[in-house]
C-alpha cells in the first residue's frame, strides 16, 4: 500500500470579468439613483427593499429602478443591463430564498 494520495480538482480557473463601458457616471451623489436587479428568487424583492430603506437613511435617494430577471438560471439581458446603466448610479442585486 502506498502512502501517496493523488487529488484531482475539477475546477476551471475563474474567467476574467468582461468590463463593459455603459457611459459616464455622475461625480456627485447629492441624490442617488438606485437600480435594483431582482434575480427572481423568492424574497429577493424583500431583501432589496430592505437595502433601499437602509440606504435612504444615510443619503437622499432620487429614484429607484427595479428590474427582475426572467429566470434565476440565466444572466440578465442586455436590455435590462442597459436600462440599469442608463437610469442608475448604483445597482444592487440580491438572491434570497
PDB file of N, CA and C in Angstrom:
ATOM      1  N   UNK A   1       0.841  -1.175   0.000  1.00  0.00           N
ATOM      2  CA  UNK A   1       0.000   0.000   0.000  1.00  0.00           C
ATOM      3  C   UNK A   1       0.891   1.244   0.000  1.00  0.00           C
ATOM      4  N   UNK A   2       0.526   2.216  -0.826  1.00  0.00           N
ATOM      5  CA  UNK A   2       1.316   3.429  -0.976  1.00  0.00           C
ATOM      6  C   UNK A   2       0.813   4.509  -0.024  1.00  0.00           C
ATOM      7  N   UNK A   3       1.724   5.326   0.470  1.00  0.00           N
ATOM      8  CA  UNK A   3       1.349   6.462   1.307  1.00  0.00           C
ATOM      9  C   UNK A   3       1.054   7.703   0.466  1.00  0.00           C
ATOM     10  N   UNK A   4       1.102   7.562  -0.817  1.00  0.00           N
ATOM     11  CA  UNK A   4       0.879   8.691  -1.714  1.00  0.00           C
ATOM     12  C   UNK A   4      -0.614   8.826  -2.011  1.00  0.00           C
ATOM     13  N   UNK A   5      -1.104  10.067  -1.983  1.00  0.00           N
ATOM     14  CA  UNK A   5      -2.503  10.356  -2.262  1.00  0.00           C
ATOM     15  C   UNK A   5      -2.561  11.359  -3.410  1.00  0.00           C
ATOM     16  N   UNK A   6      -3.294  11.049  -4.439  1.00  0.00           N
ATOM     17  CA  UNK A   6      -3.438  11.945  -5.583  1.00  0.00           C
ATOM     18  C   UNK A   6      -4.845  12.527  -5.569  1.00  0.00           C
ATOM     19  N   UNK A   7      -4.921  13.849  -5.576  1.00  0.00           N
ATOM     20  CA  UNK A   7      -6.203  14.542  -5.596  1.00  0.00           C
ATOM     21  C   UNK A   7      -6.381  15.224  -6.944  1.00  0.00           C
ATOM     22  N   UNK A   8      -7.546  15.085  -7.512  1.00  0.00           N
ATOM     23  CA  UNK A   8      -7.888  15.780  -8.744  1.00  0.00           C
ATOM     24  C   UNK A   8      -8.962  16.808  -8.415  1.00  0.00           C
ATOM     25  N   UNK A   9      -8.715  18.053  -8.765  1.00  0.00           N
ATOM     26  CA  UNK A   9      -9.674  19.126  -8.505  1.00  0.00           C
ATOM     27  C   UNK A   9     -10.229  19.581  -9.854  1.00  0.00           C
ATOM     28  N   UNK A  10     -11.477  19.234 -10.138  1.00  0.00           N
ATOM     29  CA  UNK A  10     -12.043  19.534 -11.456  1.00  0.00           C
ATOM     30  C   UNK A  10     -12.610  20.946 -11.566  1.00  0.00           C
ATOM     31  N   UNK A  11     -11.855  21.922 -11.138  1.00  0.00           N
ATOM     32  CA  UNK A  11     -12.315  23.310 -11.199  1.00  0.00           C
ATOM     33  C   UNK A  11     -11.505  24.068 -12.224  1.00  0.00           C
ATOM     34  N   UNK A  12     -12.197  24.788 -13.060  1.00  0.00           N
ATOM     35  CA  UNK A  12     -11.518  25.655 -14.015  1.00  0.00           C
ATOM     36  C   UNK A  12     -11.228  26.985 -13.319  1.00  0.00           C
ATOM     37  N   UNK A  13     -10.155  27.643 -13.707  1.00  0.00           N
ATOM     38  CA  UNK A  13      -9.900  28.961 -13.111  1.00  0.00           C
ATOM     39  C   UNK A  13     -11.031  29.928 -13.479  1.00  0.00           C
ATOM     40  N   UNK A  14     -11.299  30.862 -12.600  1.00  0.00           N
ATOM     41  CA  UNK A  14     -12.362  31.833 -12.844  1.00  0.00           C
ATOM     42  C   UNK A  14     -12.013  32.685 -14.057  1.00  0.00           C
ATOM     43  N   UNK A  15     -13.008  32.930 -14.880  1.00  0.00           N
ATOM     44  CA  UNK A  15     -12.805  33.768 -16.059  1.00  0.00           C
ATOM     45  C   UNK A  15     -12.662  35.220 -15.638  1.00  0.00           C
ATOM     46  N   UNK A  16     -11.876  35.952 -16.393  1.00  0.00           N
ATOM     47  CA  UNK A  16     -11.751  37.386 -16.133  1.00  0.00           C
ATOM     48  C   UNK A  16     -13.086  38.052 -16.467  1.00  0.00           C
ATOM     49  N   UNK A  17     -13.571  38.935 -15.590  1.00  0.00           N
ATOM     50  CA  UNK A  17     -14.847  39.581 -15.889  1.00  0.00           C
ATOM     51  C   UNK A  17     -14.717  40.517 -17.090  1.00  0.00           C
ATOM     52  N   UNK A  18     -15.772  40.546 -17.896  1.00  0.00           N
ATOM     53  CA  UNK A  18     -15.793  41.451 -19.040  1.00  0.00           C
ATOM     54  C   UNK A  18     -16.277  42.807 -18.551  1.00  0.00           C
ATOM     55  N   UNK A  19     -15.493  43.829 -18.787  1.00  0.00           N
ATOM     56  CA  UNK A  19     -15.861  45.184 -18.386  1.00  0.00           C
ATOM     57  C   UNK A  19     -16.504  45.868 -19.583  1.00  0.00           C
ATOM     58  N   UNK A  20     -17.756  46.279 -19.410  1.00  0.00           N
ATOM     59  CA  UNK A  20     -18.473  46.948 -20.483  1.00  0.00           C
ATOM     60  C   UNK A  20     -18.722  48.385 -20.052  1.00  0.00           C
ATOM     61  N   UNK A  21     -18.213  49.330 -20.820  1.00  0.00           N
ATOM     62  CA  UNK A  21     -18.425  50.741 -20.519  1.00  0.00           C
ATOM     63  C   UNK A  21     -19.816  51.133 -20.980  1.00  0.00           C
ATOM     64  N   UNK A  22     -20.688  51.415 -20.045  1.00  0.00           N
ATOM     65  CA  UNK A  22     -22.063  51.772 -20.386  1.00  0.00           C
ATOM     66  C   UNK A  22     -22.311  53.258 -20.157  1.00  0.00           C
ATOM     67  N   UNK A  23     -21.269  54.065 -20.195  1.00  0.00           N
ATOM     68  CA  UNK A  23     -21.446  55.509 -20.096  1.00  0.00           C
ATOM     69  C   UNK A  23     -20.846  56.082 -18.830  1.00  0.00           C
ATOM     70  N   UNK A  24     -20.864  57.391 -18.760  1.00  0.00           N
ATOM     71  CA  UNK A  24     -20.301  58.116 -17.629  1.00  0.00           C
ATOM     72  C   UNK A  24     -21.233  58.078 -16.428  1.00  0.00           C
ATOM     73  N   UNK A  25     -20.662  58.026 -15.273  1.00  0.00           N
ATOM     74  CA  UNK A  25     -21.419  58.138 -14.028  1.00  0.00           C
ATOM     75  C   UNK A  25     -21.267  59.568 -13.524  1.00  0.00           C
ATOM     76  N   UNK A  26     -22.271  60.044 -12.837  1.00  0.00           N
ATOM     77  CA  UNK A  26     -22.156  61.405 -12.328  1.00  0.00           C
ATOM     78  C   UNK A  26     -21.201  61.441 -11.148  1.00  0.00           C
ATOM     79  N   UNK A  27     -20.512  62.543 -10.989  1.00  0.00           N
ATOM     80  CA  UNK A  27     -19.476  62.667  -9.969  1.00  0.00           C
ATOM     81  C   UNK A  27     -20.053  62.899  -8.573  1.00  0.00           C
ATOM     82  N   UNK A  28     -21.228  63.488  -8.494  1.00  0.00           N
ATOM     83  CA  UNK A  28     -21.809  63.830  -7.208  1.00  0.00           C
ATOM     84  C   UNK A  28     -22.916  62.851  -6.836  1.00  0.00           C
ATOM     85  N   UNK A  29     -23.014  62.543  -5.571  1.00  0.00           N
ATOM     86  CA  UNK A  29     -24.076  61.676  -5.089  1.00  0.00           C
ATOM     87  C   UNK A  29     -25.070  62.474  -4.240  1.00  0.00           C
ATOM     88  N   UNK A  30     -25.390  63.697  -4.703  1.00  0.00           N
ATOM     89  CA  UNK A  30     -26.352  64.526  -3.973  1.00  0.00           C
ATOM     90  C   UNK A  30     -27.691  63.813  -3.826  1.00  0.00           C
ATOM     91  N   UNK A  31     -28.113  63.164  -4.864  1.00  0.00           N
ATOM     92  CA  UNK A  31     -29.352  62.396  -4.856  1.00  0.00           C
ATOM     93  C   UNK A  31     -29.103  61.136  -5.683  1.00  0.00           C
ATOM     94  N   UNK A  32     -28.934  60.048  -5.014  1.00  0.00           N
ATOM     95  CA  UNK A  32     -28.555  58.779  -5.632  1.00  0.00           C
ATOM     96  C   UNK A  32     -29.715  58.160  -6.411  1.00  0.00           C
ATOM     97  N   UNK A  33     -29.423  57.706  -7.616  1.00  0.00           N
ATOM     98  CA  UNK A  33     -30.389  56.954  -8.408  1.00  0.00           C
ATOM     99  C   UNK A  33     -30.024  55.477  -8.258  1.00  0.00           C
ATOM    100  N   UNK A  34     -30.843  54.746  -7.525  1.00  0.00           N
ATOM    101  CA  UNK A  34     -30.569  53.336  -7.258  1.00  0.00           C
ATOM    102  C   UNK A  34     -31.210  52.440  -8.305  1.00  0.00           C
ATOM    103  N   UNK A  35     -30.496  51.395  -8.655  1.00  0.00           N
ATOM    104  CA  UNK A  35     -31.037  50.355  -9.513  1.00  0.00           C
ATOM    105  C   UNK A  35     -31.078  49.068  -8.721  1.00  0.00           C
ATOM    106  N   UNK A  36     -32.158  48.322  -8.864  1.00  0.00           N
ATOM    107  CA  UNK A  36     -32.301  47.042  -8.174  1.00  0.00           C
ATOM    108  C   UNK A  36     -32.473  45.955  -9.220  1.00  0.00           C
ATOM    109  N   UNK A  37     -31.649  44.919  -9.129  1.00  0.00           N
ATOM    110  CA  UNK A  37     -31.770  43.773 -10.024  1.00  0.00           C
ATOM    111  C   UNK A  37     -32.180  42.569  -9.198  1.00  0.00           C
ATOM    112  N   UNK A  38     -33.434  42.191  -9.338  1.00  0.00           N
ATOM    113  CA  UNK A  38     -34.016  41.050  -8.625  1.00  0.00           C
ATOM    114  C   UNK A  38     -33.732  39.808  -9.465  1.00  0.00           C
ATOM    115  N   UNK A  39     -33.111  38.798  -8.876  1.00  0.00           N
ATOM    116  CA  UNK A  39     -32.749  37.602  -9.640  1.00  0.00           C
ATOM    117  C   UNK A  39     -33.911  36.629  -9.799  1.00  0.00           C
ATOM    118  N   UNK A  40     -35.065  36.976  -9.312  1.00  0.00           N
ATOM    119  CA  UNK A  40     -36.330  36.231  -9.412  1.00  0.00           C
ATOM    120  C   UNK A  40     -36.449  35.061  -8.442  1.00  0.00           C
ATOM    121  N   UNK A  41     -35.581  35.005  -7.436  1.00  0.00           N
ATOM    122  CA  UNK A  41     -35.769  34.007  -6.379  1.00  0.00           C
ATOM    123  C   UNK A  41     -36.725  34.577  -5.333  1.00  0.00           C
ATOM    124  N   UNK A  42     -37.360  33.676  -4.621  1.00  0.00           N
ATOM    125  CA  UNK A  42     -38.308  34.086  -3.584  1.00  0.00           C
ATOM    126  C   UNK A  42     -37.621  34.985  -2.561  1.00  0.00           C
ATOM    127  N   UNK A  43     -38.276  36.057  -2.200  1.00  0.00           N
ATOM    128  CA  UNK A  43     -37.854  37.011  -1.162  1.00  0.00           C
ATOM    129  C   UNK A  43     -36.725  37.932  -1.567  1.00  0.00           C
ATOM    130  N   UNK A  44     -36.197  37.831  -2.790  1.00  0.00           N
ATOM    131  CA  UNK A  44     -35.162  38.767  -3.222  1.00  0.00           C
ATOM    132  C   UNK A  44     -35.713  40.191  -3.211  1.00  0.00           C
ATOM    133  N   UNK A  45     -36.977  40.357  -3.600  1.00  0.00           N
ATOM    134  CA  UNK A  45     -37.580  41.688  -3.608  1.00  0.00           C
ATOM    135  C   UNK A  45     -37.650  42.277  -2.198  1.00  0.00           C
ATOM    136  N   UNK A  46     -37.909  41.446  -1.204  1.00  0.00           N
ATOM    137  CA  UNK A  46     -37.962  41.930   0.186  1.00  0.00           C
ATOM    138  C   UNK A  46     -36.572  42.358   0.659  1.00  0.00           C
ATOM    139  N   UNK A  47     -35.562  41.577   0.322  1.00  0.00           N
ATOM    140  CA  UNK A  47     -34.188  41.913   0.693  1.00  0.00           C
ATOM    141  C   UNK A  47     -33.750  43.215   0.030  1.00  0.00           C
ATOM    142  N   UNK A  48     -34.059  43.379  -1.242  1.00  0.00           N
ATOM    143  CA  UNK A  48     -33.688  44.613  -1.944  1.00  0.00           C
ATOM    144  C   UNK A  48     -34.407  45.823  -1.363  1.00  0.00           C
ATOM    145  N   UNK A  49     -35.678  45.672  -1.040  1.00  0.00           N
ATOM    146  CA  UNK A  49     -36.431  46.790  -0.456  1.00  0.00           C
ATOM    147  C   UNK A  49     -35.831  47.176   0.895  1.00  0.00           C
ATOM    148  N   UNK A  50     -35.419  46.201   1.684  1.00  0.00           N
ATOM    149  CA  UNK A  50     -34.790  46.479   2.966  1.00  0.00           C
ATOM    150  C   UNK A  50     -33.484  47.257   2.754  1.00  0.00           C
ATOM    151  N   UNK A  51     -32.706  46.874   1.746  1.00  0.00           N
ATOM    152  CA  UNK A  51     -31.459  47.587   1.453  1.00  0.00           C
ATOM    153  C   UNK A  51     -31.730  49.037   1.056  1.00  0.00           C
ATOM    154  N   UNK A  52     -32.757  49.254   0.246  1.00  0.00           N
ATOM    155  CA  UNK A  52     -33.120  50.618  -0.151  1.00  0.00           C
ATOM    156  C   UNK A  52     -33.510  51.436   1.076  1.00  0.00           C
ATOM    157  N   UNK A  53     -34.285  50.843   1.969  1.00  0.00           N
ATOM    158  CA  UNK A  53     -34.689  51.548   3.186  1.00  0.00           C
ATOM    159  C   UNK A  53     -33.475  51.965   4.010  1.00  0.00           C
ATOM    160  N   UNK A  54     -32.480  51.091   4.101  1.00  0.00           N
ATOM    161  CA  UNK A  54     -31.283  51.414   4.880  1.00  0.00           C
ATOM    162  C   UNK A  54     -30.413  52.455   4.188  1.00  0.00           C
ATOM    163  N   UNK A  55     -30.286  52.364   2.885  1.00  0.00           N
ATOM    164  CA  UNK A  55     -29.501  53.364   2.143  1.00  0.00           C
ATOM    165  C   UNK A  55     -30.170  54.734   2.259  1.00  0.00           C
ATOM    166  N   UNK A  56     -31.508  54.753   2.216  1.00  0.00           N
ATOM    167  CA  UNK A  56     -32.264  56.004   2.283  1.00  0.00           C
ATOM    168  C   UNK A  56     -32.065  56.745   3.598  1.00  0.00           C
ATOM    169  N   UNK A  57     -31.695  56.031   4.635  1.00  0.00           N
ATOM    170  CA  UNK A  57     -31.453  56.670   5.933  1.00  0.00           C
ATOM    171  C   UNK A  57     -30.202  57.541   5.868  1.00  0.00           C
ATOM    172  N   UNK A  58     -29.183  57.080   5.165  1.00  0.00           N
ATOM    173  CA  UNK A  58     -27.901  57.782   5.139  1.00  0.00           C
ATOM    174  C   UNK A  58     -27.728  58.779   4.027  1.00  0.00           C
ATOM    175  N   UNK A  59     -28.535  58.678   2.964  1.00  0.00           N
ATOM    176  CA  UNK A  59     -28.395  59.609   1.847  1.00  0.00           C
ATOM    177  C   UNK A  59     -29.716  59.759   1.111  1.00  0.00           C
ATOM    178  N   UNK A  60     -29.805  60.847   0.367  1.00  0.00           N
ATOM    179  CA  UNK A  60     -31.016  61.113  -0.393  1.00  0.00           C
ATOM    180  C   UNK A  60     -31.056  60.203  -1.617  1.00  0.00           C
ATOM    181  N   UNK A  61     -32.190  59.547  -1.819  1.00  0.00           N
ATOM    182  CA  UNK A  61     -32.389  58.677  -2.969  1.00  0.00           C
ATOM    183  C   UNK A  61     -33.375  59.378  -3.905  1.00  0.00           C
ATOM    184  N   UNK A  62     -32.896  59.712  -5.105  1.00  0.00           N
ATOM    185  CA  UNK A  62     -33.727  60.430  -6.072  1.00  0.00           C
ATOM    186  C   UNK A  62     -34.724  59.505  -6.751  1.00  0.00           C
ATOM    187  N   UNK A  63     -34.292  58.279  -7.071  1.00  0.00           N
ATOM    188  CA  UNK A  63     -35.183  57.340  -7.747  1.00  0.00           C
ATOM    189  C   UNK A  63     -34.699  55.920  -7.519  1.00  0.00           C
ATOM    190  N   UNK A  64     -35.614  54.980  -7.711  1.00  0.00           N
ATOM    191  CA  UNK A  64     -35.289  53.561  -7.611  1.00  0.00           C
ATOM    192  C   UNK A  64     -35.862  52.872  -8.846  1.00  0.00           C
ATOM    193  N   UNK A  65     -34.988  52.254  -9.630  1.00  0.00           N
ATOM    194  CA  UNK A  65     -35.392  51.476 -10.797  1.00  0.00           C
ATOM    195  C   UNK A  65     -35.285  50.010 -10.422  1.00  0.00           C
ATOM    196  N   UNK A  66     -36.400  49.300 -10.441  1.00  0.00           N
ATOM    197  CA  UNK A  66     -36.417  47.894 -10.063  1.00  0.00           C
ATOM    198  C   UNK A  66     -36.721  47.038 -11.283  1.00  0.00           C
ATOM    199  N   UNK A  67     -35.806  46.118 -11.593  1.00  0.00           N
ATOM    200  CA  UNK A  67     -35.995  45.197 -12.706  1.00  0.00           C
ATOM    201  C   UNK A  67     -35.785  43.777 -12.214  1.00  0.00           C
ATOM    202  N   UNK A  68     -36.488  42.852 -12.850  1.00  0.00           N
ATOM    203  CA  UNK A  68     -36.447  41.445 -12.428  1.00  0.00           C
ATOM    204  C   UNK A  68     -36.037  40.577 -13.607  1.00  0.00           C
ATOM    205  N   UNK A  69     -35.063  39.706 -13.370  1.00  0.00           N
ATOM    206  CA  UNK A  69     -34.653  38.754 -14.396  1.00  0.00           C
ATOM    207  C   UNK A  69     -35.782  37.764 -14.645  1.00  0.00           C
ATOM    208  N   UNK A  70     -35.848  37.244 -15.871  1.00  0.00           N
ATOM    209  CA  UNK A  70     -36.884  36.281 -16.206  1.00  0.00           C
ATOM    210  C   UNK A  70     -36.664  34.922 -15.568  1.00  0.00           C
ATOM    211  N   UNK A  71     -35.408  34.581 -15.334  1.00  0.00           N
ATOM    212  CA  UNK A  71     -35.091  33.268 -14.768  1.00  0.00           C
ATOM    213  C   UNK A  71     -33.853  33.385 -13.897  1.00  0.00           C
ATOM    214  N   UNK A  72     -33.880  32.712 -12.769  1.00  0.00           N
ATOM    215  CA  UNK A  72     -32.730  32.720 -11.874  1.00  0.00           C
ATOM    216  C   UNK A  72     -31.517  32.052 -12.531  1.00  0.00           C
ATOM    217  N   UNK A  73     -31.770  31.157 -13.468  1.00  0.00           N
ATOM    218  CA  UNK A  73     -30.695  30.377 -14.085  1.00  0.00           C
ATOM    219  C   UNK A  73     -29.999  31.111 -15.226  1.00  0.00           C
ATOM    220  N   UNK A  74     -30.565  32.219 -15.686  1.00  0.00           N
ATOM    221  CA  UNK A  74     -29.995  32.928 -16.825  1.00  0.00           C
ATOM    222  C   UNK A  74     -29.464  34.293 -16.419  1.00  0.00           C
ATOM    223  N   UNK A  75     -28.463  34.795 -17.130  1.00  0.00           N
ATOM    224  CA  UNK A  75     -27.965  36.143 -16.824  1.00  0.00           C
ATOM    225  C   UNK A  75     -28.995  37.196 -17.235  1.00  0.00           C
ATOM    226  N   UNK A  76     -28.831  38.373 -16.698  1.00  0.00           N
ATOM    227  CA  UNK A  76     -29.711  39.480 -17.070  1.00  0.00           C
ATOM    228  C   UNK A  76     -29.495  39.813 -18.543  1.00  0.00           C
ATOM    229  N   UNK A  77     -30.564  40.186 -19.214  1.00  0.00           N
ATOM    230  CA  UNK A  77     -30.476  40.514 -20.635  1.00  0.00           C
ATOM    231  C   UNK A  77     -29.747  41.848 -20.836  1.00  0.00           C
ATOM    232  N   UNK A  78     -29.284  42.060 -22.054  1.00  0.00           N
ATOM    233  CA  UNK A  78     -28.634  43.331 -22.393  1.00  0.00           C
ATOM    234  C   UNK A  78     -29.598  44.494 -22.192  1.00  0.00           C
ATOM    235  N   UNK A  79     -30.877  44.280 -22.475  1.00  0.00           N
ATOM    236  CA  UNK A  79     -31.885  45.329 -22.294  1.00  0.00           C
ATOM    237  C   UNK A  79     -31.965  45.747 -20.834  1.00  0.00           C
ATOM    238  N   UNK A  80     -31.998  44.778 -19.940  1.00  0.00           N
ATOM    239  CA  UNK A  80     -32.052  45.072 -18.504  1.00  0.00           C
ATOM    240  C   UNK A  80     -30.777  45.794 -18.064  1.00  0.00           C
ATOM    241  N   UNK A  81     -29.619  45.291 -18.481  1.00  0.00           N
ATOM    242  CA  UNK A  81     -28.350  45.910 -18.086  1.00  0.00           C
ATOM    243  C   UNK A  81     -28.241  47.329 -18.619  1.00  0.00           C
ATOM    244  N   UNK A  82     -28.664  47.541 -19.858  1.00  0.00           N
ATOM    245  CA  UNK A  82     -28.614  48.888 -20.439  1.00  0.00           C
ATOM    246  C   UNK A  82     -29.527  49.850 -19.696  1.00  0.00           C
ATOM    247  N   UNK A  83     -30.723  49.398 -19.337  1.00  0.00           N
ATOM    248  CA  UNK A  83     -31.644  50.275 -18.611  1.00  0.00           C
ATOM    249  C   UNK A  83     -31.094  50.614 -17.230  1.00  0.00           C
ATOM    250  N   UNK A  84     -30.552  49.624 -16.534  1.00  0.00           N
ATOM    251  CA  UNK A  84     -29.968  49.900 -15.216  1.00  0.00           C
ATOM    252  C   UNK A  84     -28.796  50.862 -15.332  1.00  0.00           C
ATOM    253  N   UNK A  85     -27.965  50.684 -16.349  1.00  0.00           N
ATOM    254  CA  UNK A  85     -26.815  51.581 -16.549  1.00  0.00           C
ATOM    255  C   UNK A  85     -27.274  52.999 -16.859  1.00  0.00           C
ATOM    256  N   UNK A  86     -28.318  53.122 -17.633  1.00  0.00           N
ATOM    257  CA  UNK A  86     -28.822  54.433 -18.035  1.00  0.00           C
ATOM    258  C   UNK A  86     -29.517  55.159 -16.876  1.00  0.00           C
ATOM    259  N   UNK A  87     -30.262  54.417 -16.055  1.00  0.00           N
ATOM    260  CA  UNK A  87     -31.131  55.035 -15.051  1.00  0.00           C
ATOM    261  C   UNK A  87     -30.585  55.015 -13.632  1.00  0.00           C
ATOM    262  N   UNK A  88     -29.382  54.438 -13.431  1.00  0.00           N
ATOM    263  CA  UNK A  88     -28.893  54.238 -12.063  1.00  0.00           C
ATOM    264  C   UNK A  88     -27.460  54.716 -11.890  1.00  0.00           C
ATOM    265  N   UNK A  89     -27.172  55.182 -10.678  1.00  0.00           N
ATOM    266  CA  UNK A  89     -25.792  55.493 -10.290  1.00  0.00           C
ATOM    267  C   UNK A  89     -25.168  54.303  -9.578  1.00  0.00           C
ATOM    268  N   UNK A  90     -25.995  53.501  -8.933  1.00  0.00           N
ATOM    269  CA  UNK A  90     -25.554  52.337  -8.179  1.00  0.00           C
ATOM    270  C   UNK A  90     -26.604  51.248  -8.344  1.00  0.00           C
ATOM    271  N   UNK A  91     -26.154  50.021  -8.632  1.00  0.00           N
ATOM    272  CA  UNK A  91     -27.080  48.900  -8.790  1.00  0.00           C
ATOM    273  C   UNK A  91     -26.816  47.874  -7.707  1.00  0.00           C
ATOM    274  N   UNK A  92     -27.886  47.451  -7.047  1.00  0.00           N
ATOM    275  CA  UNK A  92     -27.831  46.391  -6.042  1.00  0.00           C
ATOM    276  C   UNK A  92     -28.523  45.170  -6.624  1.00  0.00           C
ATOM    277  N   UNK A  93     -27.919  44.012  -6.427  1.00  0.00           N
ATOM    278  CA  UNK A  93     -28.523  42.771  -6.864  1.00  0.00           C
ATOM    279  C   UNK A  93     -28.618  41.851  -5.656  1.00  0.00           C
ATOM    280  N   UNK A  94     -29.655  41.020  -5.631  1.00  0.00           N
ATOM    281  CA  UNK A  94     -29.845  40.163  -4.465  1.00  0.00           C
ATOM    282  C   UNK A  94     -30.361  38.800  -4.866  1.00  0.00           C
ATOM    283  N   UNK A  95     -29.968  37.820  -4.075  1.00  0.00           N
ATOM    284  CA  UNK A  95     -30.514  36.475  -4.162  1.00  0.00           C
ATOM    285  C   UNK A  95     -31.068  36.147  -2.791  1.00  0.00           C
ATOM    286  N   UNK A  96     -32.191  35.493  -2.772  1.00  0.00           N
ATOM    287  CA  UNK A  96     -32.788  35.130  -1.479  1.00  0.00           C
ATOM    288  C   UNK A  96     -33.650  33.895  -1.648  1.00  0.00           C
ATOM    289  N   UNK A  97     -34.055  33.345  -0.551  1.00  0.00           N
ATOM    290  CA  UNK A  97     -34.991  32.216  -0.519  1.00  0.00           C
ATOM    291  C   UNK A  97     -35.841  32.317   0.718  1.00  0.00           C
TER     292      UNK A  97
END
